[in-house]
Structure formats: structure tokens, C-alpha cells
Amino acid sequence: MAAVNFVVFSLTPKPASSFTSPSTSLSSAVINGERFSRRRSMFCAFANPNPSPELDKPYIELEFIGPKAEADGSYPVDRTSAISGEKLLRNIMLDNKIELYAAYGKIMNCGGGGSCGTCIVEIVDGKDLLNERTDTEKRYLKKKPESWRLACQTIVGNKENSGKVIVQRLPQWKK
């Protein structure tokens, strides 16, 4: 990380009688005929002005549709984004406090191990931006639609692609 050092002077007015020796003038300044003394100096470091490598990585935009319609008939939508290929869908949802589990799943989930099937989501759009179904998913979801996935087994992106994925939360609640 590159650092830039500089000193900041805070100048305060000083009566002319206090400047008695030549060495004192080294730490003072005269501005518009008034003498100022240096009160303090500071060290400041700035981060490298080069853009972060994170900015160069492709991003996946995610929209999470709520399972139940609101009073006006619309479905609530949560939005976030993630760096392509770095996180599981489950972790993205939990990190952003997006509801993933139904009541039972909140208490009895496997913590992302792929052994309970409580983190089911439906991929409405953007299936091609996710990894293929794992063997675990094939076992738990064999009688479910192809668009259903286990969030704990679904990697968002492949480190090279970018785009938008639309996810239906708790599809088993959908009417």
C-alpha cells in the first residue's frame, strides 16, 4: 500500500512579544502582517489511489422475491449483489439478512451441509449464472421442478460471468 505523508499546521495568533529568539521564528509564520505559531503537526496516510481489484471482478445482481403477496398484491423484493463465483447463495442471503428458512428450517437446518433440504429456493431467471445441480441436490430435489435449488449447494457465478439472477424465496409457500 502506498502512503502519502504530509504535515498539517494549525496556526494560532501569537502576540509579537512572545517571539523573542530567532529559533522561535522557525516554528512560526507571518500572514498578512500577523504572526502565527505552529500548534501541532499530524501524520496522515492514504491508501493506494489505484482502484481495488474487487472492482475488476464480475458481479452478479440478485433479486429475492418474497413468498407471499402484500396487501396490494405485489411481492416484496430484496436486492443485493455478489462477486461472481465467490459465495454460496445461502451465505449471500444470510449475510444480507434475507429470509431463507421457514419456521422449521430456522430451528432445524443443517448449517449449510446439504443434509436437510430446508433451504429450497426457486431460480426464476438466471439459471445459467449458477453452478449445475450437485449430487446432493439431485437426491433431495428429484421430485421437485428443475428450477428448484438448495441455497447451500448453489454457487453464484463462476468468477467470469456477470448478470442477474432472480430467486423466489420459499417456493413451497407460493400459491
C-alpha atoms as a PDB file:
ATOM      1  CA  MET A   1       0.000   0.000   0.000  1.00  0.00           C
ATOM      2  CA  ALA A   2       1.397   3.352  -0.957  1.00  0.00           C
ATOM      3  CA  ALA A   3       1.281   6.083   1.657  1.00  0.00           C
ATOM      4  CA  VAL A   4       1.421   9.807   1.309  1.00  0.00           C
ATOM      5  CA  ASN A   5       2.894  11.714   4.226  1.00  0.00           C
ATOM      6  CA  PHE A   6       2.299  15.342   4.887  1.00  0.00           C
ATOM      7  CA  VAL A   7       2.253  17.699   7.818  1.00  0.00           C
ATOM      8  CA  VAL A   8      -0.717  19.865   8.685  1.00  0.00           C
ATOM      9  CA  PHE A   9      -0.041  23.068  10.576  1.00  0.00           C
ATOM     10  CA  SER A  10      -2.651  24.587  12.801  1.00  0.00           C
ATOM     11  CA  LEU A  11      -1.704  28.218  13.230  1.00  0.00           C
ATOM     12  CA  THR A  12      -2.849  30.402  16.086  1.00  0.00           C
ATOM     13  CA  PRO A  13      -2.208  34.119  16.564  1.00  0.00           C
ATOM     14  CA  LYS A  14       0.632  34.914  18.927  1.00  0.00           C
ATOM     15  CA  PRO A  15       1.488  38.287  20.428  1.00  0.00           C
ATOM     16  CA  ALA A  16       4.619  39.862  18.961  1.00  0.00           C
ATOM     17  CA  SER A  17       6.238  39.949  22.404  1.00  0.00           C
ATOM     18  CA  SER A  18       6.387  36.143  22.551  1.00  0.00           C
ATOM     19  CA  PHE A  19       8.719  35.966  19.523  1.00  0.00           C
ATOM     20  CA  THR A  20      11.972  36.800  21.251  1.00  0.00           C
ATOM     21  CA  SER A  21      14.505  34.416  19.770  1.00  0.00           C
ATOM     22  CA  PRO A  22      15.416  33.671  16.148  1.00  0.00           C
ATOM     23  CA  SER A  23      14.805  29.943  16.683  1.00  0.00           C
ATOM     24  CA  THR A  24      11.182  30.633  17.569  1.00  0.00           C
ATOM     25  CA  SER A  25      10.599  32.076  14.122  1.00  0.00           C
ATOM     26  CA  LEU A  26      11.342  28.660  12.591  1.00  0.00           C
ATOM     27  CA  SER A  27       8.103  27.380  14.036  1.00  0.00           C
ATOM     28  CA  SER A  28       6.050  30.431  13.247  1.00  0.00           C
ATOM     29  CA  ALA A  29       4.606  32.138  10.218  1.00  0.00           C
ATOM     30  CA  VAL A  30       3.673  35.664   9.294  1.00  0.00           C
ATOM     31  CA  ILE A  31       0.453  36.025   7.318  1.00  0.00           C
ATOM     32  CA  ASN A  32      -0.875  39.470   6.387  1.00  0.00           C
ATOM     33  CA  GLY A  33       1.467  41.032   8.926  1.00  0.00           C
ATOM     34  CA  GLU A  34       0.224  38.873  11.828  1.00  0.00           C
ATOM     35  CA  ARG A  35       2.435  36.263  13.440  1.00  0.00           C
ATOM     36  CA  PHE A  36       1.162  32.711  13.951  1.00  0.00           C
ATOM     37  CA  SER A  37       2.769  29.845  15.838  1.00  0.00           C
ATOM     38  CA  ARG A  38       2.603  26.164  14.926  1.00  0.00           C
ATOM     39  CA  ARG A  39       0.436  24.341  17.395  1.00  0.00           C
ATOM     40  CA  ARG A  40       0.535  20.738  16.205  1.00  0.00           C
ATOM     41  CA  SER A  41       1.558  18.503  13.338  1.00  0.00           C
ATOM     42  CA  MET A  42      -0.085  15.321  12.172  1.00  0.00           C
ATOM     43  CA  PHE A  43       0.839  12.253  10.156  1.00  0.00           C
ATOM     44  CA  CYS A  44      -1.702  11.165   7.578  1.00  0.00           C
ATOM     45  CA  ALA A  45      -1.534   8.098   5.367  1.00  0.00           C
ATOM     46  CA  PHE A  46      -3.738   7.483   2.383  1.00  0.00           C
ATOM     47  CA  ALA A  47      -4.414   4.184   0.713  1.00  0.00           C
ATOM     48  CA  ASN A  48      -3.079   3.442  -2.719  1.00  0.00           C
ATOM     49  CA  PRO A  49      -5.085   5.527  -5.195  1.00  0.00           C
ATOM     50  CA  ASN A  50      -5.203   2.583  -7.619  1.00  0.00           C
ATOM     51  CA  PRO A  51      -8.679   1.034  -7.804  1.00  0.00           C
ATOM     52  CA  SER A  52      -9.351  -2.075  -5.775  1.00  0.00           C
ATOM     53  CA  PRO A  53      -9.022  -5.399  -7.609  1.00  0.00           C
ATOM     54  CA  GLU A  54     -12.561  -6.094  -6.352  1.00  0.00           C
ATOM     55  CA  LEU A  55     -13.836  -3.515  -8.857  1.00  0.00           C
ATOM     56  CA  ASP A  56     -12.406  -5.512 -11.739  1.00  0.00           C
ATOM     57  CA  LYS A  57     -14.249  -8.699 -10.790  1.00  0.00           C
ATOM     58  CA  PRO A  58     -17.592  -9.503 -12.407  1.00  0.00           C
ATOM     59  CA  TYR A  59     -20.684  -9.090 -10.259  1.00  0.00           C
ATOM     60  CA  ILE A  60     -23.945 -10.965 -10.139  1.00  0.00           C
ATOM     61  CA  GLU A  61     -27.021  -8.912  -9.270  1.00  0.00           C
ATOM     62  CA  LEU A  62     -29.557 -10.806  -7.198  1.00  0.00           C
ATOM     63  CA  GLU A  63     -33.263 -10.205  -6.613  1.00  0.00           C
ATOM     64  CA  PHE A  64     -35.102 -12.217  -3.980  1.00  0.00           C
ATOM     65  CA  ILE A  65     -38.882 -12.363  -4.334  1.00  0.00           C
ATOM     66  CA  GLY A  66     -40.842 -12.884  -1.127  1.00  0.00           C
ATOM     67  CA  PRO A  67     -43.071 -15.934  -0.786  1.00  0.00           C
ATOM     68  CA  LYS A  68     -46.332 -14.131  -0.007  1.00  0.00           C
ATOM     69  CA  ALA A  69     -48.035 -11.194  -1.663  1.00  0.00           C
ATOM     70  CA  GLU A  70     -48.523  -7.989   0.299  1.00  0.00           C
ATOM     71  CA  ALA A  71     -51.908  -6.303   0.771  1.00  0.00           C
ATOM     72  CA  ASP A  72     -51.634  -4.502  -2.590  1.00  0.00           C
ATOM     73  CA  GLY A  73     -50.952  -7.791  -4.403  1.00  0.00           C
ATOM     74  CA  SER A  74     -47.253  -7.129  -5.048  1.00  0.00           C
ATOM     75  CA  TYR A  75     -44.490  -9.371  -3.784  1.00  0.00           C
ATOM     76  CA  PRO A  76     -41.701  -7.917  -1.637  1.00  0.00           C
ATOM     77  CA  VAL A  77     -38.292  -7.892  -3.351  1.00  0.00           C
ATOM     78  CA  ASP A  78     -34.855  -7.755  -1.716  1.00  0.00           C
ATOM     79  CA  ARG A  79     -31.876  -6.806  -3.872  1.00  0.00           C
ATOM     80  CA  THR A  80     -28.147  -7.337  -3.449  1.00  0.00           C
ATOM     81  CA  SER A  81     -25.066  -8.218  -5.493  1.00  0.00           C
ATOM     82  CA  ALA A  82     -22.127 -10.566  -5.112  1.00  0.00           C
ATOM     83  CA  ILE A  83     -18.772 -11.145  -6.743  1.00  0.00           C
ATOM     84  CA  SER A  84     -19.184 -13.891  -9.301  1.00  0.00           C
ATOM     85  CA  GLY A  85     -18.083 -17.355  -8.150  1.00  0.00           C
ATOM     86  CA  GLU A  86     -17.121 -16.487  -4.576  1.00  0.00           C
ATOM     87  CA  LYS A  87     -20.168 -17.306  -2.429  1.00  0.00           C
ATOM     88  CA  LEU A  88     -22.954 -19.748  -1.978  1.00  0.00           C
ATOM     89  CA  LEU A  89     -26.480 -18.446  -2.372  1.00  0.00           C
ATOM     90  CA  ARG A  90     -27.192 -19.396   1.263  1.00  0.00           C
ATOM     91  CA  ASN A  91     -24.319 -17.253   2.565  1.00  0.00           C
ATOM     92  CA  ILE A  92     -25.344 -14.275   0.428  1.00  0.00           C
ATOM     93  CA  MET A  93     -28.868 -14.456   1.801  1.00  0.00           C
ATOM     94  CA  LEU A  94     -27.772 -14.820   5.419  1.00  0.00           C
ATOM     95  CA  ASP A  95     -25.116 -12.070   5.118  1.00  0.00           C
ATOM     96  CA  ASN A  96     -27.769  -9.682   3.793  1.00  0.00           C
ATOM     97  CA  LYS A  97     -30.414 -10.775   6.321  1.00  0.00           C
ATOM     98  CA  ILE A  98     -32.723 -12.071   3.606  1.00  0.00           C
ATOM     99  CA  GLU A  99     -35.151 -14.678   4.915  1.00  0.00           C
ATOM    100  CA  LEU A 100     -34.141 -18.126   3.743  1.00  0.00           C
ATOM    101  CA  TYR A 101     -35.778 -20.616   6.066  1.00  0.00           C
ATOM    102  CA  ALA A 102     -39.375 -21.318   7.028  1.00  0.00           C
ATOM    103  CA  ALA A 103     -40.146 -21.677  10.745  1.00  0.00           C
ATOM    104  CA  TYR A 104     -38.965 -25.296  10.951  1.00  0.00           C
ATOM    105  CA  GLY A 105     -35.806 -24.590   8.951  1.00  0.00           C
ATOM    106  CA  LYS A 106     -34.788 -21.743  11.256  1.00  0.00           C
ATOM    107  CA  ILE A 107     -34.569 -24.231  14.103  1.00  0.00           C
ATOM    108  CA  MET A 108     -33.640 -27.469  12.377  1.00  0.00           C
ATOM    109  CA  ASN A 109     -31.332 -26.587   9.457  1.00  0.00           C
ATOM    110  CA  CYS A 110     -28.020 -28.356   8.884  1.00  0.00           C
ATOM    111  CA  GLY A 111     -25.958 -25.149   8.751  1.00  0.00           C
ATOM    112  CA  GLY A 112     -25.239 -25.404   5.038  1.00  0.00           C
ATOM    113  CA  GLY A 113     -24.096 -29.020   4.924  1.00  0.00           C
ATOM    114  CA  GLY A 114     -26.646 -30.092   2.321  1.00  0.00           C
ATOM    115  CA  SER A 115     -28.216 -32.728   4.538  1.00  0.00           C
ATOM    116  CA  CYS A 116     -31.644 -31.310   5.442  1.00  0.00           C
ATOM    117  CA  GLY A 117     -33.266 -29.705   2.383  1.00  0.00           C
ATOM    118  CA  THR A 118     -34.710 -26.720   4.299  1.00  0.00           C
ATOM    119  CA  CYS A 119     -33.034 -24.006   2.168  1.00  0.00           C
ATOM    120  CA  ILE A 120     -35.026 -24.607  -1.007  1.00  0.00           C
ATOM    121  CA  VAL A 121     -35.309 -21.679  -3.411  1.00  0.00           C
ATOM    122  CA  GLU A 122     -36.610 -21.389  -6.958  1.00  0.00           C
ATOM    123  CA  ILE A 123     -34.477 -19.802  -9.652  1.00  0.00           C
ATOM    124  CA  VAL A 124     -36.905 -17.705 -11.694  1.00  0.00           C
ATOM    125  CA  ASP A 125     -34.283 -16.249 -14.035  1.00  0.00           C
ATOM    126  CA  GLY A 126     -30.507 -16.517 -14.459  1.00  0.00           C
ATOM    127  CA  LYS A 127     -30.108 -20.274 -14.031  1.00  0.00           C
ATOM    128  CA  ASP A 128     -27.165 -20.178 -16.449  1.00  0.00           C
ATOM    129  CA  LEU A 129     -25.233 -17.938 -13.983  1.00  0.00           C
ATOM    130  CA  LEU A 130     -25.225 -20.672 -11.317  1.00  0.00           C
ATOM    131  CA  ASN A 131     -23.384 -23.967 -10.958  1.00  0.00           C
ATOM    132  CA  GLU A 132     -25.042 -27.194 -12.071  1.00  0.00           C
ATOM    133  CA  ARG A 133     -27.130 -29.139  -9.565  1.00  0.00           C
ATOM    134  CA  THR A 134     -24.919 -31.127  -7.208  1.00  0.00           C
ATOM    135  CA  ASP A 135     -25.450 -34.830  -6.395  1.00  0.00           C
ATOM    136  CA  THR A 136     -26.894 -33.736  -3.042  1.00  0.00           C
ATOM    137  CA  GLU A 137     -29.442 -31.542  -4.805  1.00  0.00           C
ATOM    138  CA  LYS A 138     -30.324 -34.314  -7.241  1.00  0.00           C
ATOM    139  CA  ARG A 139     -31.036 -36.585  -4.259  1.00  0.00           C
ATOM    140  CA  TYR A 140     -33.137 -34.076  -2.263  1.00  0.00           C
ATOM    141  CA  LEU A 141     -34.914 -32.455  -5.208  1.00  0.00           C
ATOM    142  CA  LYS A 142     -35.540 -35.427  -7.516  1.00  0.00           C
ATOM    143  CA  LYS A 143     -39.339 -34.947  -7.387  1.00  0.00           C
ATOM    144  CA  LYS A 144     -39.193 -31.145  -7.464  1.00  0.00           C
ATOM    145  CA  PRO A 145     -39.114 -28.827 -10.502  1.00  0.00           C
ATOM    146  CA  GLU A 146     -35.728 -28.294 -12.197  1.00  0.00           C
ATOM    147  CA  SER A 147     -35.840 -24.640 -11.212  1.00  0.00           C
ATOM    148  CA  TRP A 148     -35.679 -25.522  -7.503  1.00  0.00           C
ATOM    149  CA  ARG A 149     -32.263 -25.458  -5.845  1.00  0.00           C
ATOM    150  CA  LEU A 150     -30.733 -25.848  -2.396  1.00  0.00           C
ATOM    151  CA  ALA A 151     -29.232 -22.478  -1.491  1.00  0.00           C
ATOM    152  CA  CYS A 152     -26.433 -24.193   0.451  1.00  0.00           C
ATOM    153  CA  GLN A 153     -25.289 -26.009  -2.691  1.00  0.00           C
ATOM    154  CA  THR A 154     -25.687 -23.195  -5.221  1.00  0.00           C
ATOM    155  CA  ILE A 155     -22.602 -21.193  -6.168  1.00  0.00           C
ATOM    156  CA  VAL A 156     -23.493 -17.780  -7.577  1.00  0.00           C
ATOM    157  CA  GLY A 157     -21.439 -17.173 -10.735  1.00  0.00           C
ATOM    158  CA  ASN A 158     -18.252 -18.806 -11.980  1.00  0.00           C
ATOM    159  CA  LYS A 159     -15.681 -15.973 -11.476  1.00  0.00           C
ATOM    160  CA  GLU A 160     -16.034 -14.947 -15.139  1.00  0.00           C
ATOM    161  CA  ASN A 161     -19.719 -14.325 -15.777  1.00  0.00           C
ATOM    162  CA  SER A 162     -21.925 -11.463 -14.711  1.00  0.00           C
ATOM    163  CA  GLY A 163     -25.638 -10.807 -14.937  1.00  0.00           C
ATOM    164  CA  LYS A 164     -28.825 -11.001 -12.930  1.00  0.00           C
ATOM    165  CA  VAL A 165     -30.378 -13.865 -11.000  1.00  0.00           C
ATOM    166  CA  ILE A 166     -33.968 -13.737  -9.753  1.00  0.00           C
ATOM    167  CA  VAL A 167     -34.722 -16.028  -6.822  1.00  0.00           C
ATOM    168  CA  GLN A 168     -38.108 -16.969  -5.392  1.00  0.00           C
ATOM    169  CA  ARG A 169     -37.738 -17.489  -1.650  1.00  0.00           C
ATOM    170  CA  LEU A 170     -39.650 -20.369  -0.032  1.00  0.00           C
ATOM    171  CA  PRO A 171     -41.258 -21.583  -3.282  1.00  0.00           C
ATOM    172  CA  GLN A 172     -43.181 -24.264  -1.382  1.00  0.00           C
ATOM    173  CA  TRP A 173     -45.327 -21.436   0.101  1.00  0.00           C
ATOM    174  CA  LYS A 174     -46.209 -19.968  -3.269  1.00  0.00           C
ATOM    175  CA  LYS A 175     -49.862 -20.233  -4.241  1.00  0.00           C
END
